[in-house]
Amino acid sequence: MSDYTHYAFSIDEKDFEQFQSALKSANVSFWKVNKSEGESCYFLDPDGHKLEVHVGGLAQRLKACKLMPYDGMIFLS
């Protein structure tokens, strides 16, 4: 099983496409294809750390997960 640990940062929706395009133009390596709710891109920094930039905050993402949970997802509250 691969390690899914990574750091995630929020970005305004209006800035997402330009940010992702800049990563691609700089030949940054992507480590995962987005399959989650909302726009996200998963990329590696120069030291190989896994990073994510996504549109929307935690509350918005939790709401989406409660409406359509991932397989095996359990909410404790």
PDB file of N, CA and C in Angstrom:
ATOM      1  N   MET A   1       0.845  -1.181   0.000  1.00  0.00           N
ATOM      2  CA  MET A   1       0.000   0.000   0.000  1.00  0.00           C
ATOM      3  C   MET A   1       0.889   1.242   0.000  1.00  0.00           C
ATOM      4  N   SER A   2       0.569   2.193  -0.855  1.00  0.00           N
ATOM      5  CA  SER A   2       1.373   3.409  -0.919  1.00  0.00           C
ATOM      6  C   SER A   2       0.971   4.382   0.190  1.00  0.00           C
ATOM      7  N   ASP A   3       1.885   5.234   0.554  1.00  0.00           N
ATOM      8  CA  ASP A   3       1.655   6.222   1.606  1.00  0.00           C
ATOM      9  C   ASP A   3       0.853   7.385   1.047  1.00  0.00           C
ATOM     10  N   TYR A   4      -0.269   7.712   1.692  1.00  0.00           N
ATOM     11  CA  TYR A   4      -1.135   8.788   1.232  1.00  0.00           C
ATOM     12  C   TYR A   4      -0.899  10.080   2.010  1.00  0.00           C
ATOM     13  N   THR A   5       0.022  10.086   2.955  1.00  0.00           N
ATOM     14  CA  THR A   5       0.280  11.269   3.765  1.00  0.00           C
ATOM     15  C   THR A   5       0.773  12.414   2.890  1.00  0.00           C
ATOM     16  N   HIS A   6       0.122  13.587   3.049  1.00  0.00           N
ATOM     17  CA  HIS A   6       0.521  14.769   2.289  1.00  0.00           C
ATOM     18  C   HIS A   6       0.005  16.029   2.976  1.00  0.00           C
ATOM     19  N   TYR A   7       0.530  17.172   2.558  1.00  0.00           N
ATOM     20  CA  TYR A   7       0.073  18.470   3.053  1.00  0.00           C
ATOM     21  C   TYR A   7      -0.864  19.066   2.015  1.00  0.00           C
ATOM     22  N   ALA A   8      -1.994  19.605   2.480  1.00  0.00           N
ATOM     23  CA  ALA A   8      -2.982  20.181   1.574  1.00  0.00           C
ATOM     24  C   ALA A   8      -3.197  21.657   1.894  1.00  0.00           C
ATOM     25  N   PHE A   9      -3.385  22.425   0.852  1.00  0.00           N
ATOM     26  CA  PHE A   9      -3.594  23.865   0.964  1.00  0.00           C
ATOM     27  C   PHE A   9      -4.818  24.250   0.153  1.00  0.00           C
ATOM     28  N   SER A  10      -5.580  25.202   0.654  1.00  0.00           N
ATOM     29  CA  SER A  10      -6.740  25.716  -0.079  1.00  0.00           C
ATOM     30  C   SER A  10      -6.317  26.855  -1.001  1.00  0.00           C
ATOM     31  N   ILE A  11      -7.029  26.970  -2.115  1.00  0.00           N
ATOM     32  CA  ILE A  11      -6.788  28.037  -3.075  1.00  0.00           C
ATOM     33  C   ILE A  11      -8.141  28.538  -3.560  1.00  0.00           C
ATOM     34  N   ASP A  12      -8.232  29.815  -3.881  1.00  0.00           N
ATOM     35  CA  ASP A  12      -9.467  30.359  -4.433  1.00  0.00           C
ATOM     36  C   ASP A  12      -9.753  29.728  -5.783  1.00  0.00           C
ATOM     37  N   GLU A  13     -11.014  29.487  -6.058  1.00  0.00           N
ATOM     38  CA  GLU A  13     -11.408  28.861  -7.313  1.00  0.00           C
ATOM     39  C   GLU A  13     -10.894  29.651  -8.524  1.00  0.00           C
ATOM     40  N   LYS A  14     -10.900  30.977  -8.421  1.00  0.00           N
ATOM     41  CA  LYS A  14     -10.465  31.823  -9.545  1.00  0.00           C
ATOM     42  C   LYS A  14      -8.975  31.672  -9.851  1.00  0.00           C
ATOM     43  N   ASP A  15      -8.195  31.184  -8.901  1.00  0.00           N
ATOM     44  CA  ASP A  15      -6.747  31.044  -9.075  1.00  0.00           C
ATOM     45  C   ASP A  15      -6.297  29.628  -9.421  1.00  0.00           C
ATOM     46  N   PHE A  16      -7.207  28.662  -9.322  1.00  0.00           N
ATOM     47  CA  PHE A  16      -6.812  27.253  -9.442  1.00  0.00           C
ATOM     48  C   PHE A  16      -6.220  26.915 -10.809  1.00  0.00           C
ATOM     49  N   GLU A  17      -6.919  27.230 -11.891  1.00  0.00           N
ATOM     50  CA  GLU A  17      -6.447  26.848 -13.227  1.00  0.00           C
ATOM     51  C   GLU A  17      -5.086  27.450 -13.537  1.00  0.00           C
ATOM     52  N   GLN A  18      -4.890  28.711 -13.195  1.00  0.00           N
ATOM     53  CA  GLN A  18      -3.598  29.358 -13.449  1.00  0.00           C
ATOM     54  C   GLN A  18      -2.492  28.689 -12.634  1.00  0.00           C
ATOM     55  N   PHE A  19      -2.782  28.344 -11.380  1.00  0.00           N
ATOM     56  CA  PHE A  19      -1.797  27.676 -10.529  1.00  0.00           C
ATOM     57  C   PHE A  19      -1.416  26.326 -11.119  1.00  0.00           C
ATOM     58  N   GLN A  20      -2.424  25.536 -11.485  1.00  0.00           N
ATOM     59  CA  GLN A  20      -2.154  24.209 -12.042  1.00  0.00           C
ATOM     60  C   GLN A  20      -1.394  24.321 -13.364  1.00  0.00           C
ATOM     61  N   SER A  21      -1.751  25.285 -14.193  1.00  0.00           N
ATOM     62  CA  SER A  21      -1.037  25.495 -15.461  1.00  0.00           C
ATOM     63  C   SER A  21       0.423  25.866 -15.221  1.00  0.00           C
ATOM     64  N   ALA A  22       0.672  26.691 -14.198  1.00  0.00           N
ATOM     65  CA  ALA A  22       2.053  27.075 -13.876  1.00  0.00           C
ATOM     66  C   ALA A  22       2.867  25.863 -13.444  1.00  0.00           C
ATOM     67  N   LEU A  23       2.252  24.953 -12.673  1.00  0.00           N
ATOM     68  CA  LEU A  23       2.958  23.727 -12.277  1.00  0.00           C
ATOM     69  C   LEU A  23       3.321  22.895 -13.501  1.00  0.00           C
ATOM     70  N   LYS A  24       2.360  22.737 -14.410  1.00  0.00           N
ATOM     71  CA  LYS A  24       2.609  21.952 -15.621  1.00  0.00           C
ATOM     72  C   LYS A  24       3.690  22.595 -16.478  1.00  0.00           C
ATOM     73  N   SER A  25       3.651  23.927 -16.611  1.00  0.00           N
ATOM     74  CA  SER A  25       4.660  24.639 -17.407  1.00  0.00           C
ATOM     75  C   SER A  25       6.055  24.490 -16.819  1.00  0.00           C
ATOM     76  N   ALA A  26       6.131  24.346 -15.509  1.00  0.00           N
ATOM     77  CA  ALA A  26       7.419  24.184 -14.828  1.00  0.00           C
ATOM     78  C   ALA A  26       7.848  22.716 -14.755  1.00  0.00           C
ATOM     79  N   ASN A  27       7.092  21.822 -15.407  1.00  0.00           N
ATOM     80  CA  ASN A  27       7.385  20.383 -15.419  1.00  0.00           C
ATOM     81  C   ASN A  27       7.423  19.772 -14.022  1.00  0.00           C
ATOM     82  N   VAL A  28       6.559  20.263 -13.154  1.00  0.00           N
ATOM     83  CA  VAL A  28       6.436  19.702 -11.809  1.00  0.00           C
ATOM     84  C   VAL A  28       5.800  18.316 -11.922  1.00  0.00           C
ATOM     85  N   SER A  29       6.269  17.377 -11.111  1.00  0.00           N
ATOM     86  CA  SER A  29       5.722  16.018 -11.119  1.00  0.00           C
ATOM     87  C   SER A  29       4.431  15.957 -10.316  1.00  0.00           C
ATOM     88  N   PHE A  30       3.430  15.293 -10.882  1.00  0.00           N
ATOM     89  CA  PHE A  30       2.158  15.058 -10.197  1.00  0.00           C
ATOM     90  C   PHE A  30       2.151  13.616  -9.706  1.00  0.00           C
ATOM     91  N   TRP A  31       1.667  13.400  -8.468  1.00  0.00           N
ATOM     92  CA  TRP A  31       1.727  12.062  -7.886  1.00  0.00           C
ATOM     93  C   TRP A  31       0.359  11.385  -7.807  1.00  0.00           C
ATOM     94  N   LYS A  32      -0.698  12.087  -8.125  1.00  0.00           N
ATOM     95  CA  LYS A  32      -2.025  11.486  -8.031  1.00  0.00           C
ATOM     96  C   LYS A  32      -2.966  12.256  -8.939  1.00  0.00           C
ATOM     97  N   VAL A  33      -3.921  11.550  -9.533  1.00  0.00           N
ATOM     98  CA  VAL A  33      -4.976  12.172 -10.319  1.00  0.00           C
ATOM     99  C   VAL A  33      -6.155  12.425  -9.401  1.00  0.00           C
ATOM    100  N   ASN A  34      -6.742  13.604  -9.478  1.00  0.00           N
ATOM    101  CA  ASN A  34      -7.857  13.948  -8.611  1.00  0.00           C
ATOM    102  C   ASN A  34      -9.091  13.110  -8.926  1.00  0.00           C
ATOM    103  N   LYS A  35      -9.628  12.454  -7.901  1.00  0.00           N
ATOM    104  CA  LYS A  35     -10.874  11.695  -8.009  1.00  0.00           C
ATOM    105  C   LYS A  35     -11.842  12.112  -6.906  1.00  0.00           C
ATOM    106  N   SER A  36     -11.493  13.146  -6.159  1.00  0.00           N
ATOM    107  CA  SER A  36     -12.321  13.583  -5.038  1.00  0.00           C
ATOM    108  C   SER A  36     -13.251  14.705  -5.477  1.00  0.00           C
ATOM    109  N   GLU A  37     -14.103  15.116  -4.561  1.00  0.00           N
ATOM    110  CA  GLU A  37     -15.010  16.226  -4.828  1.00  0.00           C
ATOM    111  C   GLU A  37     -14.212  17.511  -5.014  1.00  0.00           C
ATOM    112  N   GLY A  38     -14.624  18.334  -5.927  1.00  0.00           N
ATOM    113  CA  GLY A  38     -13.957  19.621  -6.139  1.00  0.00           C
ATOM    114  C   GLY A  38     -12.656  19.500  -6.901  1.00  0.00           C
ATOM    115  N   GLU A  39     -12.115  20.641  -7.243  1.00  0.00           N
ATOM    116  CA  GLU A  39     -10.852  20.715  -7.973  1.00  0.00           C
ATOM    117  C   GLU A  39      -9.680  20.533  -7.015  1.00  0.00           C
ATOM    118  N   SER A  40      -8.754  19.664  -7.369  1.00  0.00           N
ATOM    119  CA  SER A  40      -7.520  19.442  -6.610  1.00  0.00           C
ATOM    120  C   SER A  40      -6.407  19.075  -7.566  1.00  0.00           C
ATOM    121  N   CYS A  41      -5.186  19.412  -7.203  1.00  0.00           N
ATOM    122  CA  CYS A  41      -4.034  18.869  -7.912  1.00  0.00           C
ATOM    123  C   CYS A  41      -3.015  18.427  -6.863  1.00  0.00           C
ATOM    124  N   TYR A  42      -2.419  17.290  -7.143  1.00  0.00           N
ATOM    125  CA  TYR A  42      -1.489  16.629  -6.233  1.00  0.00           C
ATOM    126  C   TYR A  42      -0.114  16.624  -6.897  1.00  0.00           C
ATOM    127  N   PHE A  43       0.852  17.258  -6.272  1.00  0.00           N
ATOM    128  CA  PHE A  43       2.159  17.413  -6.899  1.00  0.00           C
ATOM    129  C   PHE A  43       3.273  17.249  -5.877  1.00  0.00           C
ATOM    130  N   LEU A  44       4.489  17.089  -6.381  1.00  0.00           N
ATOM    131  CA  LEU A  44       5.664  16.922  -5.529  1.00  0.00           C
ATOM    132  C   LEU A  44       6.478  18.205  -5.508  1.00  0.00           C
ATOM    133  N   ASP A  45       6.991  18.570  -4.330  1.00  0.00           N
ATOM    134  CA  ASP A  45       7.916  19.704  -4.273  1.00  0.00           C
ATOM    135  C   ASP A  45       9.303  19.202  -4.699  1.00  0.00           C
ATOM    136  N   PRO A  46      10.279  20.086  -4.825  1.00  0.00           N
ATOM    137  CA  PRO A  46      11.608  19.656  -5.299  1.00  0.00           C
ATOM    138  C   PRO A  46      12.275  18.582  -4.428  1.00  0.00           C
ATOM    139  N   ASP A  47      11.871  18.478  -3.152  1.00  0.00           N
ATOM    140  CA  ASP A  47      12.439  17.450  -2.269  1.00  0.00           C
ATOM    141  C   ASP A  47      11.618  16.169  -2.257  1.00  0.00           C
ATOM    142  N   GLY A  48      10.556  16.118  -3.068  1.00  0.00           N
ATOM    143  CA  GLY A  48       9.731  14.919  -3.158  1.00  0.00           C
ATOM    144  C   GLY A  48       8.593  14.848  -2.154  1.00  0.00           C
ATOM    145  N   HIS A  49       8.329  15.934  -1.417  1.00  0.00           N
ATOM    146  CA  HIS A  49       7.200  15.942  -0.484  1.00  0.00           C
ATOM    147  C   HIS A  49       5.894  16.013  -1.254  1.00  0.00           C
ATOM    148  N   LYS A  50       4.902  15.245  -0.818  1.00  0.00           N
ATOM    149  CA  LYS A  50       3.604  15.218  -1.478  1.00  0.00           C
ATOM    150  C   LYS A  50       2.764  16.404  -1.009  1.00  0.00           C
ATOM    151  N   LEU A  51       2.277  17.185  -1.973  1.00  0.00           N
ATOM    152  CA  LEU A  51       1.470  18.365  -1.688  1.00  0.00           C
ATOM    153  C   LEU A  51       0.166  18.293  -2.474  1.00  0.00           C
ATOM    154  N   GLU A  52      -0.836  18.996  -1.962  1.00  0.00           N
ATOM    155  CA  GLU A  52      -2.123  19.110  -2.654  1.00  0.00           C
ATOM    156  C   GLU A  52      -2.588  20.555  -2.555  1.00  0.00           C
ATOM    157  N   VAL A  53      -3.145  21.060  -3.627  1.00  0.00           N
ATOM    158  CA  VAL A  53      -3.830  22.348  -3.614  1.00  0.00           C
ATOM    159  C   VAL A  53      -5.259  22.058  -4.047  1.00  0.00           C
ATOM    160  N   HIS A  54      -6.224  22.522  -3.244  1.00  0.00           N
ATOM    161  CA  HIS A  54      -7.617  22.248  -3.573  1.00  0.00           C
ATOM    162  C   HIS A  54      -8.491  23.490  -3.401  1.00  0.00           C
ATOM    163  N   VAL A  55      -9.584  23.486  -4.139  1.00  0.00           N
ATOM    164  CA  VAL A  55     -10.585  24.545  -4.037  1.00  0.00           C
ATOM    165  C   VAL A  55     -11.567  24.136  -2.950  1.00  0.00           C
ATOM    166  N   GLY A  56     -11.884  25.056  -2.064  1.00  0.00           N
ATOM    167  CA  GLY A  56     -12.843  24.764  -0.991  1.00  0.00           C
ATOM    168  C   GLY A  56     -12.142  24.444   0.306  1.00  0.00           C
ATOM    169  N   GLY A  57     -12.819  24.732   1.385  1.00  0.00           N
ATOM    170  CA  GLY A  57     -12.266  24.493   2.711  1.00  0.00           C
ATOM    171  C   GLY A  57     -12.715  23.174   3.305  1.00  0.00           C
ATOM    172  N   LEU A  58     -12.277  22.913   4.513  1.00  0.00           N
ATOM    173  CA  LEU A  58     -12.569  21.656   5.196  1.00  0.00           C
ATOM    174  C   LEU A  58     -14.069  21.443   5.377  1.00  0.00           C
ATOM    175  N   ALA A  59     -14.786  22.466   5.812  1.00  0.00           N
ATOM    176  CA  ALA A  59     -16.229  22.315   6.048  1.00  0.00           C
ATOM    177  C   ALA A  59     -16.954  21.906   4.766  1.00  0.00           C
ATOM    178  N   GLN A  60     -16.585  22.514   3.649  1.00  0.00           N
ATOM    179  CA  GLN A  60     -17.200  22.193   2.360  1.00  0.00           C
ATOM    180  C   GLN A  60     -16.902  20.756   1.948  1.00  0.00           C
ATOM    181  N   ARG A  61     -15.673  20.323   2.172  1.00  0.00           N
ATOM    182  CA  ARG A  61     -15.283  18.955   1.794  1.00  0.00           C
ATOM    183  C   ARG A  61     -15.946  17.908   2.689  1.00  0.00           C
ATOM    184  N   LEU A  62     -16.050  18.196   3.994  1.00  0.00           N
ATOM    185  CA  LEU A  62     -16.732  17.254   4.890  1.00  0.00           C
ATOM    186  C   LEU A  62     -18.207  17.120   4.531  1.00  0.00           C
ATOM    187  N   LYS A  63     -18.836  18.233   4.188  1.00  0.00           N
ATOM    188  CA  LYS A  63     -20.241  18.205   3.774  1.00  0.00           C
ATOM    189  C   LYS A  63     -20.419  17.318   2.546  1.00  0.00           C
ATOM    190  N   ALA A  64     -19.524  17.466   1.564  1.00  0.00           N
ATOM    191  CA  ALA A  64     -19.583  16.646   0.357  1.00  0.00           C
ATOM    192  C   ALA A  64     -19.365  15.168   0.689  1.00  0.00           C
ATOM    193  N   CYS A  65     -18.461  14.876   1.608  1.00  0.00           N
ATOM    194  CA  CYS A  65     -18.191  13.484   1.994  1.00  0.00           C
ATOM    195  C   CYS A  65     -19.378  12.871   2.723  1.00  0.00           C
ATOM    196  N   LYS A  66     -20.082  13.657   3.517  1.00  0.00           N
ATOM    197  CA  LYS A  66     -21.264  13.130   4.206  1.00  0.00           C
ATOM    198  C   LYS A  66     -22.377  12.819   3.221  1.00  0.00           C
ATOM    199  N   LEU A  67     -22.465  13.595   2.137  1.00  0.00           N
ATOM    200  CA  LEU A  67     -23.469  13.332   1.110  1.00  0.00           C
ATOM    201  C   LEU A  67     -23.102  12.121   0.264  1.00  0.00           C
ATOM    202  N   MET A  68     -21.798  11.956  -0.016  1.00  0.00           N
ATOM    203  CA  MET A  68     -21.315  10.845  -0.832  1.00  0.00           C
ATOM    204  C   MET A  68     -20.019  10.308  -0.233  1.00  0.00           C
ATOM    205  N   PRO A  69     -20.118   9.530   0.857  1.00  0.00           N
ATOM    206  CA  PRO A  69     -18.900   9.038   1.521  1.00  0.00           C
ATOM    207  C   PRO A  69     -18.108   8.066   0.665  1.00  0.00           C
ATOM    208  N   TYR A  70     -16.791   8.067   0.871  1.00  0.00           N
ATOM    209  CA  TYR A  70     -15.909   7.096   0.238  1.00  0.00           C
ATOM    210  C   TYR A  70     -16.205   5.726   0.845  1.00  0.00           C
ATOM    211  N   ASP A  71     -15.860   4.657   0.145  1.00  0.00           N
ATOM    212  CA  ASP A  71     -16.024   3.302   0.671  1.00  0.00           C
ATOM    213  C   ASP A  71     -15.315   3.175   2.001  1.00  0.00           C
ATOM    214  N   GLY A  72     -15.998   2.696   3.006  1.00  0.00           N
ATOM    215  CA  GLY A  72     -15.408   2.462   4.312  1.00  0.00           C
ATOM    216  C   GLY A  72     -15.308   3.704   5.196  1.00  0.00           C
ATOM    217  N   MET A  73     -15.763   4.855   4.717  1.00  0.00           N
ATOM    218  CA  MET A  73     -15.667   6.091   5.508  1.00  0.00           C
ATOM    219  C   MET A  73     -16.658   6.046   6.668  1.00  0.00           C
ATOM    220  N   ILE A  74     -16.178   6.385   7.855  1.00  0.00           N
ATOM    221  CA  ILE A  74     -16.995   6.382   9.066  1.00  0.00           C
ATOM    222  C   ILE A  74     -16.898   7.772   9.708  1.00  0.00           C
ATOM    223  N   PHE A  75     -18.052   8.339  10.052  1.00  0.00           N
ATOM    224  CA  PHE A  75     -18.091   9.611  10.764  1.00  0.00           C
ATOM    225  C   PHE A  75     -18.392   9.333  12.226  1.00  0.00           C
ATOM    226  N   LEU A  76     -17.581   9.875  13.113  1.00  0.00           N
ATOM    227  CA  LEU A  76     -17.713   9.616  14.539  1.00  0.00           C
ATOM    228  C   LEU A  76     -18.591  10.638  15.256  1.00  0.00           C
ATOM    229  N   SER A  77     -18.945  11.715  14.593  1.00  0.00           N
ATOM    230  CA  SER A  77     -19.832  12.681  15.253  1.00  0.00           C
ATOM    231  C   SER A  77     -20.905  13.152  14.316  1.00  0.00           C
TER     232      SER A  77
END
